[in-house]
C-alpha atoms as a PDB file:
ATOM      1  CA  ASP A   1     174.752 113.765  26.202  1.00  0.00           C
ATOM      2  CA  LYS A   2     176.948 116.282  24.085  1.00  0.00           C
ATOM      3  CA  LEU A   3     174.067 118.342  22.929  1.00  0.00           C
ATOM      4  CA  VAL A   4     173.633 122.031  24.187  1.00  0.00           C
ATOM      5  CA  ILE A   5     170.225 122.775  22.816  1.00  0.00           C
ATOM      6  CA  TYR A   6     168.829 126.343  22.538  1.00  0.00           C
ATOM      7  CA  GLU A   7     165.075 126.197  22.038  1.00  0.00           C
ATOM      8  CA  ILE A   8     163.776 129.117  19.890  1.00  0.00           C
ATOM      9  CA  LEU A   9     160.296 130.363  19.255  1.00  0.00           C
ATOM     10  CA  ILE A  10     160.933 132.495  16.233  1.00  0.00           C
ATOM     11  CA  ARG A  11     157.980 134.788  16.835  1.00  0.00           C
ATOM     12  CA  ASP A  12     159.395 135.922  20.274  1.00  0.00           C
ATOM     13  CA  PHE A  13     163.122 135.592  19.645  1.00  0.00           C
ATOM     14  CA  THR A  14     163.504 138.772  17.464  1.00  0.00           C
ATOM     15  CA  GLY A  15     161.639 141.916  16.827  1.00  0.00           C
ATOM     16  CA  ASN A  16     161.325 140.935  13.112  1.00  0.00           C
ATOM     17  CA  ARG A  17     159.810 137.558  13.965  1.00  0.00           C
ATOM     18  CA  ASP A  18     161.384 135.682  10.906  1.00  0.00           C
ATOM     19  CA  ILE A  19     163.971 133.073  10.157  1.00  0.00           C
ATOM     20  CA  LYS A  20     166.174 135.400   8.335  1.00  0.00           C
ATOM     21  CA  THR A  21     166.953 137.446  11.531  1.00  0.00           C
ATOM     22  CA  ILE A  22     167.602 134.135  13.366  1.00  0.00           C
ATOM     23  CA  THR A  23     170.119 133.335  10.719  1.00  0.00           C
ATOM     24  CA  ASP A  24     171.840 136.729  11.288  1.00  0.00           C
ATOM     25  CA  THR A  25     172.039 135.851  14.975  1.00  0.00           C
ATOM     26  CA  ILE A  26     173.831 132.505  14.646  1.00  0.00           C
ATOM     27  CA  PRO A  27     177.284 133.995  15.660  1.00  0.00           C
ATOM     28  CA  TYR A  28     175.668 135.123  18.950  1.00  0.00           C
ATOM     29  CA  LEU A  29     174.260 131.685  19.609  1.00  0.00           C
ATOM     30  CA  LYS A  30     177.693 130.100  18.839  1.00  0.00           C
ATOM     31  CA  ARG A  31     179.357 132.298  21.297  1.00  0.00           C
ATOM     32  CA  LEU A  32     177.066 131.074  23.963  1.00  0.00           C
ATOM     33  CA  GLY A  33     178.237 127.514  23.311  1.00  0.00           C
ATOM     34  CA  VAL A  34     175.133 126.334  21.677  1.00  0.00           C
ATOM     35  CA  ASN A  35     175.664 123.284  19.284  1.00  0.00           C
ATOM     36  CA  ALA A  36     171.990 122.580  18.579  1.00  0.00           C
ATOM     37  CA  ILE A  37     169.059 124.860  17.936  1.00  0.00           C
ATOM     38  CA  GLU A  38     165.630 123.443  18.274  1.00  0.00           C
ATOM     39  CA  LEU A  39     162.959 125.440  16.446  1.00  0.00           C
ATOM     40  CA  MET A  40     159.470 125.232  17.950  1.00  0.00           C
ATOM     41  CA  PRO A  41     156.839 123.927  15.503  1.00  0.00           C
ATOM     42  CA  PHE A  42     157.581 125.256  11.963  1.00  0.00           C
ATOM     43  CA  SER A  43     155.072 123.465   9.642  1.00  0.00           C
ATOM     44  CA  GLU A  44     152.048 125.480   8.483  1.00  0.00           C
ATOM     45  CA  PHE A  45     149.789 126.090  11.441  1.00  0.00           C
ATOM     46  CA  GLU A  46     146.333 127.884  11.688  1.00  0.00           C
ATOM     47  CA  GLY A  47     146.421 131.593  11.973  1.00  0.00           C
ATOM     48  CA  ASN A  48     149.852 133.510  12.115  1.00  0.00           C
ATOM     49  CA  ASP A  49     150.299 134.198  15.783  1.00  0.00           C
ATOM     50  CA  SER A  50     150.889 130.889  17.485  1.00  0.00           C
ATOM     51  CA  TRP A  51     153.353 128.525  19.239  1.00  0.00           C
ATOM     52  CA  GLY A  52     152.739 126.261  16.342  1.00  0.00           C
ATOM     53  CA  TYR A  53     151.279 123.371  18.146  1.00  0.00           C
ATOM     54  CA  ASN A  54     148.090 123.644  16.063  1.00  0.00           C
ATOM     55  CA  PRO A  55     149.322 122.198  12.830  1.00  0.00           C
ATOM     56  CA  SER A  56     147.313 121.968   9.680  1.00  0.00           C
ATOM     57  CA  PHE A  57     149.825 121.365   6.734  1.00  0.00           C
ATOM     58  CA  TYR A  58     152.797 119.079   7.335  1.00  0.00           C
ATOM     59  CA  PHE A  59     154.896 119.585   4.304  1.00  0.00           C
ATOM     60  CA  ALA A  60     155.307 123.423   4.255  1.00  0.00           C
ATOM     61  CA  PRO A  61     157.063 125.747   6.564  1.00  0.00           C
ATOM     62  CA  ASP A  62     154.698 128.378   8.008  1.00  0.00           C
ATOM     63  CA  LYS A  63     154.590 131.416   5.863  1.00  0.00           C
ATOM     64  CA  PHE A  64     154.720 133.746   8.788  1.00  0.00           C
ATOM     65  CA  TYR A  65     158.270 132.936   9.503  1.00  0.00           C
ATOM     66  CA  GLY A  66     159.583 133.406   5.838  1.00  0.00           C
ATOM     67  CA  THR A  67     160.184 131.434   2.703  1.00  0.00           C
ATOM     68  CA  LYS A  68     161.271 127.794   2.379  1.00  0.00           C
ATOM     69  CA  GLU A  69     164.491 129.208   0.878  1.00  0.00           C
ATOM     70  CA  ALA A  70     165.126 131.249   4.050  1.00  0.00           C
ATOM     71  CA  LEU A  71     164.741 128.202   6.139  1.00  0.00           C
ATOM     72  CA  LYS A  72     167.189 126.264   4.038  1.00  0.00           C
ATOM     73  CA  GLU A  73     169.612 129.126   4.278  1.00  0.00           C
ATOM     74  CA  PHE A  74     169.318 129.000   8.096  1.00  0.00           C
ATOM     75  CA  ILE A  75     169.884 125.346   8.283  1.00  0.00           C
ATOM     76  CA  ASP A  76     172.932 125.621   5.995  1.00  0.00           C
ATOM     77  CA  ALA A  77     174.373 128.483   8.052  1.00  0.00           C
ATOM     78  CA  CYS A  78     173.859 126.481  11.126  1.00  0.00           C
ATOM     79  CA  HIS A  79     175.683 123.415   9.689  1.00  0.00           C
ATOM     80  CA  ALA A  80     178.633 125.761   8.638  1.00  0.00           C
ATOM     81  CA  GLU A  81     179.002 126.707  12.192  1.00  0.00           C
ATOM     82  CA  GLY A  82     178.814 123.092  13.563  1.00  0.00           C
ATOM     83  CA  ILE A  83     175.328 123.568  14.803  1.00  0.00           C
ATOM     84  CA  ALA A  84     172.634 120.891  14.519  1.00  0.00           C
ATOM     85  CA  VAL A  85     169.038 121.994  13.744  1.00  0.00           C
ATOM     86  CA  ILE A  86     166.154 120.096  15.459  1.00  0.00           C
ATOM     87  CA  ILE A  87     162.514 120.822  14.684  1.00  0.00           C
ATOM     88  CA  ASP A  88     159.708 120.331  17.138  1.00  0.00           C
ATOM     89  CA  MET A  89     157.309 117.872  15.294  1.00  0.00           C
ATOM     90  CA  VAL A  90     153.611 117.758  16.227  1.00  0.00           C
ATOM     91  CA  LEU A  91     152.215 114.472  15.031  1.00  0.00           C
ATOM     92  CA  ASN A  92     149.751 113.681  17.884  1.00  0.00           C
ATOM     93  CA  HIS A  93     147.055 115.768  16.283  1.00  0.00           C
ATOM     94  CA  ALA A  94     145.945 118.183  13.496  1.00  0.00           C
ATOM     95  CA  PHE A  95     143.541 121.046  13.274  1.00  0.00           C
ATOM     96  CA  GLY A  96     140.497 121.858  11.376  1.00  0.00           C
ATOM     97  CA  GLN A  97     142.222 123.487   8.345  1.00  0.00           C
ATOM     98  CA  SER A  98     143.962 120.124   7.532  1.00  0.00           C
ATOM     99  CA  PRO A  99     142.509 118.694   4.362  1.00  0.00           C
ATOM    100  CA  MET A 100     143.048 115.321   5.955  1.00  0.00           C
ATOM    101  CA  VAL A 101     140.596 116.292   8.707  1.00  0.00           C
ATOM    102  CA  GLN A 102     138.102 117.769   6.295  1.00  0.00           C
ATOM    103  CA  MET A 103     138.087 114.740   3.846  1.00  0.00           C
ATOM    104  CA  TYR A 104     136.499 112.491   6.425  1.00  0.00           C
ATOM    105  CA  TRP A 105     134.251 114.714   8.445  1.00  0.00           C
ATOM    106  CA  ASP A 106     131.117 113.951  10.453  1.00  0.00           C
ATOM    107  CA  ALA A 107     129.158 117.315  10.119  1.00  0.00           C
ATOM    108  CA  VAL A 108     126.344 116.064  12.446  1.00  0.00           C
ATOM    109  CA  ASN A 109     128.700 115.508  15.335  1.00  0.00           C
ATOM    110  CA  ASN A 110     131.277 118.097  14.288  1.00  0.00           C
ATOM    111  CA  ARG A 111     134.296 115.753  14.451  1.00  0.00           C
ATOM    112  CA  PRO A 112     136.402 113.428  12.265  1.00  0.00           C
ATOM    113  CA  ALA A 113     134.130 110.625  10.735  1.00  0.00           C
ATOM    114  CA  GLU A 114     134.280 107.004  11.862  1.00  0.00           C
ATOM    115  CA  ASN A 115     135.855 106.029   8.494  1.00  0.00           C
ATOM    116  CA  SER A 116     138.757 108.510   8.761  1.00  0.00           C
ATOM    117  CA  PRO A 117     141.920 106.659   7.980  1.00  0.00           C
ATOM    118  CA  TRP A 118     144.031 108.941  10.133  1.00  0.00           C
ATOM    119  CA  PHE A 119     141.919 110.454  12.996  1.00  0.00           C
ATOM    120  CA  ASN A 120     139.938 109.149  15.961  1.00  0.00           C
ATOM    121  CA  PRO A 121     136.333 110.626  16.105  1.00  0.00           C
ATOM    122  CA  VAL A 122     136.949 111.082  19.848  1.00  0.00           C
ATOM    123  CA  ALA A 123     140.498 111.509  21.355  1.00  0.00           C
ATOM    124  CA  ARG A 124     141.906 108.407  22.798  1.00  0.00           C
ATOM    125  CA  HIS A 125     143.915 110.206  25.608  1.00  0.00           C
ATOM    126  CA  PRO A 126     142.986 112.922  28.181  1.00  0.00           C
ATOM    127  CA  TYR A 127     145.473 115.570  27.107  1.00  0.00           C
ATOM    128  CA  ASN A 128     144.580 115.750  23.381  1.00  0.00           C
ATOM    129  CA  VAL A 129     144.108 119.099  21.628  1.00  0.00           C
ATOM    130  CA  GLY A 130     142.756 119.428  17.992  1.00  0.00           C
ATOM    131  CA  TYR A 131     141.902 116.160  16.391  1.00  0.00           C
ATOM    132  CA  ASP A 132     143.631 113.068  17.626  1.00  0.00           C
ATOM    133  CA  MET A 133     145.518 110.842  15.303  1.00  0.00           C
ATOM    134  CA  ASN A 134     145.045 107.049  15.376  1.00  0.00           C
ATOM    135  CA  HIS A 135     148.608 105.827  15.383  1.00  0.00           C
ATOM    136  CA  GLU A 136     147.699 102.284  15.107  1.00  0.00           C
ATOM    137  CA  SER A 137     146.242 102.881  11.557  1.00  0.00           C
ATOM    138  CA  GLU A 138     148.526 101.847   8.737  1.00  0.00           C
ATOM    139  CA  ALA A 139     147.476 105.084   6.819  1.00  0.00           C
ATOM    140  CA  THR A 140     148.725 107.252   9.891  1.00  0.00           C
ATOM    141  CA  ALA A 141     151.936 105.307  10.083  1.00  0.00           C
ATOM    142  CA  TYR A 142     152.619 105.836   6.281  1.00  0.00           C
ATOM    143  CA  PHE A 143     151.808 109.551   6.730  1.00  0.00           C
ATOM    144  CA  VAL A 144     154.184 109.877   9.730  1.00  0.00           C
ATOM    145  CA  ASN A 145     156.877 108.281   7.876  1.00  0.00           C
ATOM    146  CA  ARG A 146     156.448 110.388   4.731  1.00  0.00           C
ATOM    147  CA  VAL A 147     156.451 113.620   6.864  1.00  0.00           C
ATOM    148  CA  ASN A 148     159.578 112.551   8.717  1.00  0.00           C
ATOM    149  CA  GLU A 149     161.417 111.581   5.493  1.00  0.00           C
ATOM    150  CA  PHE A 150     160.482 114.867   3.748  1.00  0.00           C
ATOM    151  CA  TRP A 151     161.986 117.309   6.323  1.00  0.00           C
ATOM    152  CA  ILE A 152     165.187 115.192   6.465  1.00  0.00           C
ATOM    153  CA  ASN A 153     165.648 114.947   2.703  1.00  0.00           C
ATOM    154  CA  GLU A 154     164.332 118.416   1.684  1.00  0.00           C
ATOM    155  CA  TYR A 155     165.683 120.562   4.580  1.00  0.00           C
ATOM    156  CA  LYS A 156     168.592 118.475   5.819  1.00  0.00           C
ATOM    157  CA  ILE A 157     167.605 118.782   9.383  1.00  0.00           C
ATOM    158  CA  ASP A 158     169.331 116.829  11.986  1.00  0.00           C
ATOM    159  CA  GLY A 159     166.677 115.842  14.556  1.00  0.00           C
ATOM    160  CA  TYR A 160     163.097 115.945  15.841  1.00  0.00           C
ATOM    161  CA  ARG A 161     161.657 116.641  19.125  1.00  0.00           C
ATOM    162  CA  PHE A 162     158.315 114.817  18.948  1.00  0.00           C
ATOM    163  CA  ASP A 163     155.583 116.624  20.877  1.00  0.00           C
ATOM    164  CA  LEU A 164     153.218 114.676  23.054  1.00  0.00           C
ATOM    165  CA  THR A 165     154.332 111.225  22.164  1.00  0.00           C
ATOM    166  CA  LYS A 166     152.574 109.891  25.165  1.00  0.00           C
ATOM    167  CA  GLY A 167     149.467 110.363  23.188  1.00  0.00           C
ATOM    168  CA  PHE A 168     150.568 108.028  20.259  1.00  0.00           C
ATOM    169  CA  THR A 169     148.225 105.404  22.035  1.00  0.00           C
ATOM    170  CA  GLN A 170     144.678 103.993  21.441  1.00  0.00           C
ATOM    171  CA  LYS A 171     144.375 102.908  25.096  1.00  0.00           C
ATOM    172  CA  PHE A 172     141.383 104.794  26.568  1.00  0.00           C
ATOM    173  CA  THR A 173     139.481 103.677  29.624  1.00  0.00           C
ATOM    174  CA  ASP A 174     137.417 105.242  32.438  1.00  0.00           C
ATOM    175  CA  THR A 175     140.393 104.724  34.609  1.00  0.00           C
ATOM    176  CA  ILE A 176     142.572 106.819  32.406  1.00  0.00           C
ATOM    177  CA  LYS A 177     139.973 109.703  32.535  1.00  0.00           C
ATOM    178  CA  ASN A 178     139.891 109.584  36.343  1.00  0.00           C
ATOM    179  CA  ASN A 179     143.579 109.274  36.806  1.00  0.00           C
ATOM    180  CA  PRO A 180     145.126 110.481  33.665  1.00  0.00           C
ATOM    181  CA  VAL A 181     148.794 110.934  34.773  1.00  0.00           C
ATOM    182  CA  GLY A 182     149.102 107.731  36.766  1.00  0.00           C
ATOM    183  CA  GLU A 183     147.472 105.471  34.154  1.00  0.00           C
ATOM    184  CA  TRP A 184     148.666 107.299  31.045  1.00  0.00           C
ATOM    185  CA  GLY A 185     152.336 106.838  32.315  1.00  0.00           C
ATOM    186  CA  LYS A 186     152.141 103.121  32.667  1.00  0.00           C
ATOM    187  CA  LEU A 187     153.767 100.764  30.191  1.00  0.00           C
ATOM    188  CA  ASP A 188     151.746 100.638  26.996  1.00  0.00           C
ATOM    189  CA  THR A 189     153.429  98.027  24.612  1.00  0.00           C
ATOM    190  CA  ALA A 190     151.483  99.254  21.651  1.00  0.00           C
ATOM    191  CA  ARG A 191     152.762 102.712  22.216  1.00  0.00           C
ATOM    192  CA  VAL A 192     156.279 101.323  22.477  1.00  0.00           C
ATOM    193  CA  ARG A 193     155.934  99.596  19.134  1.00  0.00           C
ATOM    194  CA  ILE A 194     154.513 102.568  17.442  1.00  0.00           C
ATOM    195  CA  LEU A 195     157.457 104.884  18.648  1.00  0.00           C
ATOM    196  CA  LYS A 196     160.111 102.114  17.816  1.00  0.00           C
ATOM    197  CA  ASN A 197     158.768 101.677  14.404  1.00  0.00           C
ATOM    198  CA  MET A 198     158.742 105.417  13.784  1.00  0.00           C
ATOM    199  CA  ALA A 199     162.305 105.865  15.077  1.00  0.00           C
ATOM    200  CA  ASN A 200     163.602 102.894  13.190  1.00  0.00           C
ATOM    201  CA  HIS A 201     162.186 104.267   9.880  1.00  0.00           C
ATOM    202  CA  ILE A 202     163.855 107.613  10.473  1.00  0.00           C
ATOM    203  CA  TRP A 203     167.253 105.825  11.263  1.00  0.00           C
ATOM    204  CA  SER A 204     166.870 103.966   7.932  1.00  0.00           C
ATOM    205  CA  VAL A 205     166.882 107.291   6.231  1.00  0.00           C
ATOM    206  CA  ASP A 206     169.577 108.890   8.429  1.00  0.00           C
ATOM    207  CA  SER A 207     171.267 106.691  11.034  1.00  0.00           C
ATOM    208  CA  THR A 208     172.846 109.678  12.931  1.00  0.00           C
ATOM    209  CA  PHE A 209     169.509 111.499  13.292  1.00  0.00           C
ATOM    210  CA  TYR A 210     168.251 112.796  16.748  1.00  0.00           C
ATOM    211  CA  VAL A 211     165.050 111.353  18.057  1.00  0.00           C
ATOM    212  CA  ILE A 212     163.731 113.172  21.202  1.00  0.00           C
ATOM    213  CA  PHE A 213     160.386 112.221  22.823  1.00  0.00           C
ATOM    214  CA  GLU A 214     158.360 114.443  24.956  1.00  0.00           C
ATOM    215  CA  HIS A 215     157.303 111.493  27.034  1.00  0.00           C
ATOM    216  CA  LEU A 216     157.390 109.907  30.404  1.00  0.00           C
END
């Protein structure tokens, strides 16, 4: 309740479209009264011109925005001014460049294979884009925890805004397809368990970390 969050798409915030220019702009943001900056998805995505919701590589900042050193300098500069850094994290799905998608691929049906440890062959909720992750899989849970740990430990970020957390479900019925919002928004105890386990693992790494869901 004390956060004043400024959400930034680096591509559109400055003419230079890079993290270095955002770093130079921190005094302006501080004068606005901002105490948290939320970067729209920053991990390597397909192509260069994107909002970032089409991720492929989860352990690398997208090259279009600058180097990993520039990102670390931005975060350090924010912290020096008392500004938290939150990253929009997309773990509902991945796109076709992902080696995790490609390693288990059904070329006949042009989709993830039935034996993929991470992805559903067919999306299990009606608003999916890309290839839908199976969050009830132990392999996916392990991967999610590793991704979340990495950005905390390597880049010292302060929070995640998790995109499309309503999709962290394997509940898929004809009813959902016919009435997606009404059914999708109902209590899903498996989804609650998945999200609680994810958040608790994050807090075991950093007890002060911000965990924000795009959810109900």
